[in-house]
Amino acid sequence: MAGMSVIVVGAGIVGLSVAYEALLSGAAVTIIDRDPEGDKASFGNAGGIAVTEVIPLSVPGLWKKVPFWVLDPLGPLAVRVRHTPHLFPWLWRFAKVGTASEVRRISAALAEINSRVYDDLVPLFNKVGLANDLFRKGALTVYESESGLRRDRPEWDAKRALGVETQELSASQVRDMEPALGPIVKNGVFMPQWSHVSDPKKVVDVLRKWLAANGAEIFRGQVDRLNSTTDGAALTLDGGRTLWAEKIVIAAGAWSAQLVRQLGDHVLLESERGYNTTIASPGVALEREVIFADRKFVATPLSIGLRVGGAAEFGGLKATPNFGRSNALVKLAKLYLPAMKEEGGVEWSGHRPATPDSLPIIGRSGPSPHVIYAFGHGHLGLTQGPTTGKIVGDLLFGRQPSLNAEPFSVARFS
């Protein structure tokens, strides 16, 4: 099937990873994005390779915490009032998967895909010139009290049962690893399997340029229509131009749902807007990503500065960002990093593509075998991108994927 024509819709890390695998297998690859070099969730994420994130967001008892988060105007969770009616089906499914049995099923699927991450990511990084941009230094989750760690122990036990390596640390041990952390930190957990990149934007830029240099065509355009044909699929762009290919992959992140529905597939996908601030000269140094468990945010040392990020805001794709959330995250970081300088931060917000069960959507369209989906990775696009590319590459060329892809099928929403 070498020479097969493949169109990938979306030039984020997932779409580019799919294009990479298709190109290596001999396909003629075209990448379409409304702004291939422009800002996207792949640029502004925290930069973590979060292979230890194997527990879904919806878990038993979560509903008890949600009201407190939502009532805080700058807390870790927000729902725009005007978007609430549209959100109901997603929230209903989110609640339904928050049972012990569903959490076990979803966690097993997340653990399986995450177990492949380094096998797929490291060769890609080496091939395109990013070998020196991956830092395998682990990550620290820190707590303000013993009760906080005790509260989360069942989750840590569940992660360990799924192969996640952890080491509980005292306050002094935490500060031995990260001296910049202040006295508010009372204990922590070290995760050696985690890693981070130098700069998520650099990763995407280097991969995109490598693809262009090696034969992929990158096309600027807004996709308005997606149609299945007897021998492939066709896209209609906003200017009226139509493009056809033997296979089309939808990897447009939070914008994917509108195309999927045109084929007749049902999907529950929401924009979960995240915020961050990157401080070029923070006056403090971290060796690895730090996760602040009590306040639900992170800080990562990137080549461009210290990135402080977090928050989950549900307001749809058209709502204007509330950068007060970026400022609030910096204030929170100052509690943990008392010597940190707040000046000169660059604020950012972006749309994470969130499914209610925390599983990405990877697999063939129900109505059209010529269309394959690769979106909905939530917080784990950078982590799972290259492995998603491998799975989609296998599906494109009729190979058996190396893991069970059934949990990721769009059919679960039918």
Protein backbone atom coordinates (compact mmCIF):
# COMPACT_ATOMS: atom_id res chain seq x y z
CA MET A 1 0.00 0.00 0.00
CA ALA A 2 3.01 2.25 -0.39
CA GLY A 3 2.10 5.41 -2.24
CA MET A 4 -1.36 5.51 -0.68
CA SER A 5 -2.69 9.06 -0.37
CA VAL A 6 -3.35 10.20 3.20
CA ILE A 7 -4.72 13.55 4.37
CA VAL A 8 -4.24 14.44 8.03
CA VAL A 9 -6.50 17.19 9.36
CA GLY A 10 -4.66 18.94 12.19
CA ALA A 11 -1.03 20.03 12.67
CA GLY A 12 -0.77 19.58 16.43
CA ILE A 13 1.44 16.93 18.00
CA VAL A 14 -1.07 14.13 17.38
CA GLY A 15 -1.67 14.99 13.72
CA LEU A 16 2.04 15.43 13.03
CA SER A 17 2.80 12.10 14.73
CA VAL A 18 0.23 10.40 12.50
CA ALA A 19 1.75 12.09 9.44
CA TYR A 20 5.21 10.91 10.54
CA GLU A 21 4.15 7.27 10.72
CA ALA A 22 2.27 7.45 7.41
CA LEU A 23 5.25 9.06 5.70
CA LEU A 24 7.67 6.43 7.03
CA SER A 25 5.37 3.72 5.67
CA GLY A 26 5.51 5.22 2.18
CA ALA A 27 2.27 7.20 1.99
CA ALA A 28 1.85 10.45 0.10
CA VAL A 29 0.94 12.71 3.02
CA THR A 30 -0.90 16.03 3.06
CA ILE A 31 -1.43 17.91 6.33
CA ILE A 32 -4.23 20.47 6.49
CA ASP A 33 -4.58 23.01 9.27
CA ARG A 34 -6.19 26.44 9.37
CA ASP A 35 -2.89 27.80 10.74
CA PRO A 36 -0.13 25.16 10.58
CA GLU A 37 2.48 27.28 12.35
CA GLY A 38 0.01 29.05 14.63
CA ASP A 39 -0.82 28.72 18.29
CA LYS A 40 -2.46 25.48 19.45
CA ALA A 41 -2.80 23.32 22.55
CA SER A 42 0.35 21.45 21.52
CA PHE A 43 2.37 24.66 22.00
CA GLY A 44 1.12 25.71 25.40
CA ASN A 45 0.96 22.50 27.39
CA ALA A 46 3.11 22.00 30.47
CA GLY A 47 5.67 19.92 28.59
CA GLY A 48 5.31 16.78 30.67
CA ILE A 49 5.55 13.22 29.36
CA ALA A 50 2.99 12.09 31.89
CA VAL A 51 3.17 8.31 31.57
CA THR A 52 2.03 7.88 35.18
CA GLU A 53 -1.36 9.52 34.50
CA VAL A 54 -3.43 6.35 34.34
CA ILE A 55 -6.43 7.30 36.50
CA PRO A 56 -9.39 9.00 34.75
CA LEU A 57 -10.68 12.37 35.91
CA SER A 58 -14.10 10.99 36.86
CA VAL A 59 -13.70 8.86 40.00
CA PRO A 60 -16.03 7.90 42.86
CA GLY A 61 -16.62 10.78 45.25
CA LEU A 62 -15.44 13.53 42.89
CA TRP A 63 -18.87 15.16 42.97
CA LYS A 64 -18.25 16.17 46.60
CA LYS A 65 -15.32 18.39 45.57
CA VAL A 66 -16.75 19.94 42.41
CA PRO A 67 -19.05 22.55 44.09
CA PHE A 68 -16.14 24.00 46.07
CA TRP A 69 -13.97 24.24 42.96
CA VAL A 70 -16.70 25.86 40.86
CA LEU A 71 -17.64 28.39 43.55
CA ASP A 72 -14.08 29.72 43.62
CA PRO A 73 -14.02 32.26 40.73
CA LEU A 74 -10.34 31.53 40.08
CA GLY A 75 -10.30 27.93 41.30
CA PRO A 76 -9.14 24.82 39.37
CA LEU A 77 -12.52 24.26 37.68
CA ALA A 78 -14.93 26.65 35.97
CA VAL A 79 -18.04 26.29 33.83
CA ARG A 80 -19.28 29.24 31.79
CA VAL A 81 -22.98 29.64 32.57
CA ARG A 82 -24.03 30.13 28.94
CA HIS A 83 -22.32 26.88 27.95
CA THR A 84 -23.92 24.76 30.67
CA PRO A 85 -26.93 23.46 28.66
CA HIS A 86 -24.63 22.30 25.87
CA LEU A 87 -22.43 20.55 28.43
CA PHE A 88 -25.18 18.38 29.98
CA PRO A 89 -24.70 15.24 27.78
CA TRP A 90 -20.94 15.31 28.41
CA LEU A 91 -21.44 15.77 32.16
CA TRP A 92 -23.98 12.94 32.28
CA ARG A 93 -21.52 10.54 30.68
CA PHE A 94 -18.74 11.88 32.92
CA ALA A 95 -20.85 10.99 35.98
CA LYS A 96 -21.72 7.55 34.61
CA VAL A 97 -18.08 6.50 34.17
CA GLY A 98 -17.18 7.58 37.70
CA THR A 99 -17.85 4.14 39.21
CA ALA A 100 -15.23 1.80 40.65
CA SER A 101 -15.66 -0.76 37.87
CA GLU A 102 -15.46 1.86 35.10
CA VAL A 103 -12.40 3.46 36.68
CA ARG A 104 -10.66 0.06 36.68
CA ARG A 105 -11.54 -0.51 33.01
CA ILE A 106 -10.46 2.96 31.89
CA SER A 107 -7.28 2.89 33.99
CA ALA A 108 -6.23 -0.40 32.40
CA ALA A 109 -6.61 1.12 28.92
CA LEU A 110 -4.66 4.25 29.91
CA ALA A 111 -1.92 2.15 31.49
CA GLU A 112 -1.61 0.07 28.32
CA ILE A 113 -1.25 3.01 25.94
CA ASN A 114 1.08 4.85 28.33
CA SER A 115 3.29 1.76 28.65
CA ARG A 116 4.18 2.21 24.98
CA VAL A 117 5.02 5.91 25.15
CA TYR A 118 8.81 5.82 25.33
CA ASP A 119 9.04 2.98 22.79
CA ASP A 120 7.37 5.28 20.26
CA LEU A 121 8.40 8.77 21.39
CA VAL A 122 12.15 8.24 21.77
CA PRO A 123 12.75 6.90 18.22
CA LEU A 124 10.68 9.76 16.77
CA PHE A 125 12.65 12.33 18.77
CA ASN A 126 15.93 10.75 17.67
CA LYS A 127 14.89 10.66 14.02
CA VAL A 128 13.79 14.29 13.71
CA GLY A 129 16.55 15.89 15.79
CA LEU A 130 14.97 16.21 19.23
CA ALA A 131 17.14 13.70 21.10
CA ASN A 132 18.52 16.39 23.41
CA ASP A 133 15.12 17.89 24.17
CA LEU A 134 13.78 15.10 26.40
CA PHE A 135 14.71 15.19 30.09
CA ARG A 136 14.02 11.94 31.92
CA LYS A 137 14.29 13.34 35.44
CA GLY A 138 10.96 12.18 36.84
CA ALA A 139 8.42 14.46 38.49
CA LEU A 140 7.41 15.42 42.01
CA THR A 141 3.89 15.62 43.40
CA VAL A 142 3.92 17.72 46.58
CA TYR A 143 1.45 18.21 49.42
CA GLU A 144 0.80 20.83 52.07
CA SER A 145 -0.09 18.30 54.77
CA GLU A 146 0.02 14.66 55.75
CA SER A 147 -3.75 14.54 55.38
CA GLY A 148 -3.42 15.52 51.72
CA LEU A 149 -1.11 12.63 50.98
CA ARG A 150 -3.29 10.29 53.03
CA ARG A 151 -6.34 11.40 51.02
CA ASP A 152 -4.61 10.48 47.76
CA ARG A 153 -3.07 7.17 48.90
CA PRO A 154 -5.81 5.01 47.33
CA GLU A 155 -5.02 6.63 43.97
CA TRP A 156 -1.29 6.08 44.42
CA ASP A 157 -1.98 2.43 45.34
CA ALA A 158 -4.06 2.04 42.19
CA LYS A 159 -1.28 3.55 40.09
CA ARG A 160 1.32 1.23 41.60
CA ALA A 161 -0.90 -1.75 40.79
CA LEU A 162 -0.77 -0.61 37.15
CA GLY A 163 3.02 -0.43 37.03
CA VAL A 164 3.64 3.16 38.11
CA GLU A 165 6.80 3.54 40.20
CA THR A 166 6.55 5.89 43.19
CA GLN A 167 8.58 6.90 46.21
CA GLU A 168 7.07 8.77 49.16
CA LEU A 169 9.27 11.58 50.46
CA SER A 170 9.48 13.68 53.59
CA ALA A 171 9.64 17.47 53.45
CA SER A 172 13.43 17.44 53.73
CA GLN A 173 13.74 14.81 51.01
CA VAL A 174 11.51 16.87 48.71
CA ARG A 175 13.66 19.95 49.27
CA ASP A 176 16.83 17.94 48.71
CA MET A 177 15.49 17.30 45.20
CA GLU A 178 14.01 20.79 44.67
CA PRO A 179 15.60 23.35 47.04
CA ALA A 180 13.42 26.18 45.68
CA LEU A 181 10.31 24.73 47.30
CA GLY A 182 9.28 26.57 50.46
CA PRO A 183 8.13 25.42 53.89
CA ILE A 184 4.51 25.03 52.78
CA VAL A 185 5.53 21.65 51.33
CA LYS A 186 5.25 18.94 53.99
CA ASN A 187 5.75 15.76 51.91
CA GLY A 188 5.63 14.44 48.38
CA VAL A 189 5.78 11.56 45.95
CA PHE A 190 8.52 11.10 43.37
CA MET A 191 7.61 9.49 40.01
CA PRO A 192 10.80 8.45 38.18
CA GLN A 193 9.03 7.39 34.96
CA TRP A 194 7.79 10.91 34.18
CA SER A 195 9.86 13.23 31.98
CA HIS A 196 9.56 16.64 30.35
CA VAL A 197 10.62 18.35 27.13
CA SER A 198 12.64 21.51 26.57
CA ASP A 199 9.74 23.40 24.97
CA PRO A 200 6.49 21.91 23.57
CA LYS A 201 6.41 24.48 20.77
CA LYS A 202 9.91 23.51 19.68
CA VAL A 203 8.86 19.85 19.55
CA VAL A 204 5.94 20.65 17.23
CA ASP A 205 7.94 23.10 15.09
CA VAL A 206 10.86 20.69 14.58
CA LEU A 207 8.57 17.78 13.73
CA ARG A 208 6.52 19.85 11.28
CA LYS A 209 9.65 21.12 9.50
CA TRP A 210 11.08 17.60 9.33
CA LEU A 211 7.88 16.35 7.71
CA ALA A 212 7.93 19.17 5.15
CA ALA A 213 11.60 18.50 4.37
CA ASN A 214 10.87 14.80 3.85
CA GLY A 215 8.00 15.07 1.43
CA ALA A 216 4.84 15.89 3.35
CA GLU A 217 2.73 18.68 1.89
CA ILE A 218 1.45 21.12 4.49
CA PHE A 219 -1.64 23.00 3.41
CA ARG A 220 -3.28 26.00 5.08
CA GLY A 221 -7.07 25.72 5.06
CA GLN A 222 -10.26 25.45 7.11
CA VAL A 223 -12.15 22.20 6.57
CA ASP A 224 -15.90 22.79 6.24
CA ARG A 225 -17.15 19.42 5.01
CA LEU A 226 -16.10 15.78 5.29
CA ASN A 227 -17.65 13.19 2.97
CA SER A 228 -17.09 9.49 2.47
CA THR A 229 -16.72 8.14 -1.07
CA THR A 230 -16.68 4.59 -2.38
CA ASP A 231 -12.90 4.52 -2.66
CA GLY A 232 -11.80 7.09 -0.10
CA ALA A 233 -12.97 10.34 1.46
CA ALA A 234 -13.15 13.99 0.46
CA LEU A 235 -12.78 17.32 2.24
CA THR A 236 -14.28 20.65 1.20
CA LEU A 237 -12.38 23.72 2.36
CA ASP A 238 -13.88 27.09 3.24
CA GLY A 239 -12.98 28.51 -0.16
CA GLY A 240 -14.84 25.72 -1.93
CA ARG A 241 -11.81 23.63 -2.91
CA THR A 242 -12.26 19.86 -2.59
CA LEU A 243 -9.44 17.45 -1.72
CA TRP A 244 -9.70 13.65 -1.99
CA ALA A 245 -7.55 10.90 -0.51
CA GLU A 246 -7.68 7.17 -0.04
CA LYS A 247 -7.54 7.74 3.72
CA ILE A 248 -8.31 10.79 5.85
CA VAL A 249 -7.29 11.12 9.50
CA ILE A 250 -9.14 13.58 11.72
CA ALA A 251 -6.69 14.89 14.33
CA ALA A 252 -8.08 18.40 14.81
CA GLY A 253 -8.17 18.35 18.60
CA ALA A 254 -11.15 20.07 20.19
CA TRP A 255 -12.44 21.04 16.71
CA SER A 256 -12.77 17.40 15.56
CA ALA A 257 -16.33 16.76 16.72
CA GLN A 258 -18.00 18.90 14.07
CA LEU A 259 -16.36 16.85 11.30
CA VAL A 260 -17.05 13.51 12.96
CA ARG A 261 -20.77 14.27 13.21
CA GLN A 262 -20.94 14.98 9.48
CA LEU A 263 -20.14 11.32 8.85
CA GLY A 264 -22.84 10.17 11.28
CA ASP A 265 -20.66 9.16 14.21
CA HIS A 266 -21.76 10.29 17.67
CA VAL A 267 -19.05 11.71 19.91
CA LEU A 268 -18.88 13.52 23.23
CA LEU A 269 -16.02 16.00 23.05
CA GLU A 270 -15.60 19.29 24.87
CA SER A 271 -13.04 22.05 24.98
CA GLU A 272 -11.38 22.04 28.39
CA ARG A 273 -9.54 25.33 28.30
CA GLY A 274 -6.24 25.41 30.16
CA TYR A 275 -4.19 28.41 31.24
CA ASN A 276 -0.55 29.08 31.99
CA THR A 277 2.06 31.76 32.49
CA THR A 278 5.67 31.32 31.36
CA ILE A 279 8.22 33.43 33.25
CA ALA A 280 11.47 33.82 31.33
CA SER A 281 13.58 34.85 34.36
CA PRO A 282 11.82 33.43 37.43
CA GLY A 283 14.78 33.72 39.80
CA VAL A 284 14.34 30.10 40.92
CA ALA A 285 15.34 26.79 39.36
CA LEU A 286 13.54 23.46 39.19
CA GLU A 287 15.10 20.24 37.91
CA ARG A 288 11.83 18.56 36.97
CA GLU A 289 8.10 19.13 36.71
CA VAL A 290 6.37 19.68 40.05
CA ILE A 291 2.68 18.88 40.54
CA PHE A 292 0.93 20.74 43.35
CA ALA A 293 -1.71 18.23 44.38
CA ASP A 294 -3.73 20.38 46.78
CA ARG A 295 -4.12 23.33 44.37
CA LYS A 296 -4.33 21.38 41.09
CA PHE A 297 -1.57 23.06 39.05
CA VAL A 298 1.98 22.36 37.88
CA ALA A 299 5.29 24.10 37.26
CA THR A 300 7.77 22.92 34.62
CA PRO A 301 11.30 24.16 33.88
CA LEU A 302 11.43 24.79 30.13
CA SER A 303 14.19 26.23 27.99
CA ILE A 304 12.07 29.38 27.61
CA GLY A 305 11.43 29.82 31.34
CA LEU A 306 9.33 28.45 34.17
CA ARG A 307 5.84 27.48 32.97
CA VAL A 308 3.10 27.55 35.63
CA GLY A 309 -0.07 25.96 34.30
CA GLY A 310 -3.36 24.37 35.18
CA ALA A 311 -7.09 25.08 35.46
CA ALA A 312 -9.98 23.44 33.63
CA GLU A 313 -12.57 25.75 32.13
CA PHE A 314 -15.59 24.56 30.16
CA GLY A 315 -16.99 27.33 28.03
CA GLY A 316 -16.91 26.08 24.45
CA LEU A 317 -14.60 26.97 21.60
CA LYS A 318 -15.78 30.54 21.10
CA ALA A 319 -15.63 31.95 24.64
CA THR A 320 -12.98 34.60 25.27
CA PRO A 321 -10.24 33.56 27.71
CA ASN A 322 -10.17 34.77 31.30
CA PHE A 323 -6.51 35.50 31.89
CA GLY A 324 -7.24 36.18 35.52
CA ARG A 325 -6.76 32.42 35.79
CA SER A 326 -3.20 32.71 34.49
CA ASN A 327 -2.49 35.41 37.08
CA ALA A 328 -4.05 33.30 39.84
CA LEU A 329 -1.77 30.39 39.00
CA VAL A 330 1.30 32.63 39.40
CA LYS A 331 0.06 33.77 42.82
CA LEU A 332 -0.40 30.15 43.85
CA ALA A 333 3.08 29.23 42.62
CA LYS A 334 4.52 32.01 44.77
CA LEU A 335 3.19 30.20 47.86
CA TYR A 336 5.32 27.18 47.01
CA LEU A 337 8.26 28.97 45.43
CA PRO A 338 8.70 32.03 47.69
CA ALA A 339 11.78 33.34 45.86
CA MET A 340 10.08 33.24 42.46
CA LYS A 341 9.89 36.51 40.54
CA GLU A 342 6.44 37.17 39.10
CA GLU A 343 7.39 39.84 36.59
CA GLY A 344 7.59 39.38 32.85
CA GLY A 345 5.27 36.40 32.54
CA VAL A 346 3.68 35.54 29.19
CA GLU A 347 0.08 34.39 29.55
CA TRP A 348 -1.49 31.69 27.40
CA SER A 349 -4.70 29.72 27.11
CA GLY A 350 -5.67 26.84 24.85
CA HIS A 351 -8.36 24.26 24.17
CA ARG A 352 -7.69 20.73 25.39
CA PRO A 353 -9.91 18.16 23.62
CA ALA A 354 -11.64 16.37 26.51
CA THR A 355 -13.73 13.21 26.47
CA PRO A 356 -15.89 12.35 29.50
CA ASP A 357 -14.06 9.07 30.12
CA SER A 358 -10.50 10.47 29.78
CA LEU A 359 -9.76 8.09 26.89
CA PRO A 360 -8.70 9.41 23.49
CA ILE A 361 -10.66 8.55 20.36
CA ILE A 362 -8.46 6.44 18.10
CA GLY A 363 -9.85 4.21 15.38
CA ARG A 364 -11.95 3.96 12.25
CA SER A 365 -15.17 5.82 11.64
CA GLY A 366 -18.26 3.64 11.87
CA PRO A 367 -19.86 4.79 8.59
CA SER A 368 -16.60 5.16 6.65
CA PRO A 369 -13.65 2.72 6.78
CA HIS A 370 -11.59 5.32 4.89
CA VAL A 371 -11.68 7.83 7.78
CA ILE A 372 -9.70 7.33 10.97
CA TYR A 373 -9.99 9.37 14.16
CA ALA A 374 -7.12 10.51 16.40
CA PHE A 375 -8.23 13.14 18.91
CA GLY A 376 -9.58 13.65 22.42
CA HIS A 377 -6.33 13.19 24.35
CA GLY A 378 -7.15 15.82 26.98
CA HIS A 379 -4.03 16.56 29.03
CA LEU A 380 -2.04 13.76 27.37
CA GLY A 381 -1.63 14.84 23.74
CA LEU A 382 2.14 15.29 23.97
CA THR A 383 2.46 12.10 26.01
CA GLN A 384 0.36 9.87 23.77
CA GLY A 385 0.90 11.57 20.40
CA PRO A 386 3.66 9.33 18.98
CA THR A 387 1.93 6.15 20.20
CA THR A 388 -1.33 7.35 18.65
CA GLY A 389 0.64 7.86 15.43
CA LYS A 390 1.81 4.23 15.62
CA ILE A 391 -1.72 2.91 16.17
CA VAL A 392 -3.14 4.97 13.32
CA GLY A 393 -0.25 3.96 11.07
CA ASP A 394 -1.11 0.32 11.69
CA LEU A 395 -4.77 0.96 10.89
CA LEU A 396 -3.91 2.86 7.71
CA PHE A 397 -1.81 0.04 6.34
CA GLY A 398 -3.84 -2.93 7.53
CA ARG A 399 -1.44 -3.98 10.26
CA GLN A 400 -2.52 -5.30 13.63
CA PRO A 401 -1.95 -2.62 16.31
CA SER A 402 0.40 -3.69 19.08
CA LEU A 403 -2.23 -2.93 21.73
CA ASN A 404 -5.96 -3.37 22.09
CA ALA A 405 -7.47 -0.27 20.48
CA GLU A 406 -11.09 -1.17 21.22
CA PRO A 407 -11.36 1.00 24.37
CA PHE A 408 -10.50 4.05 22.22
CA SER A 409 -13.14 3.45 19.52
CA VAL A 410 -15.70 6.15 18.77
CA ALA A 411 -18.32 3.37 18.89
CA ARG A 412 -18.36 3.63 22.69
CA PHE A 413 -20.47 6.80 22.36
CA SER A 414 -23.11 5.22 20.12
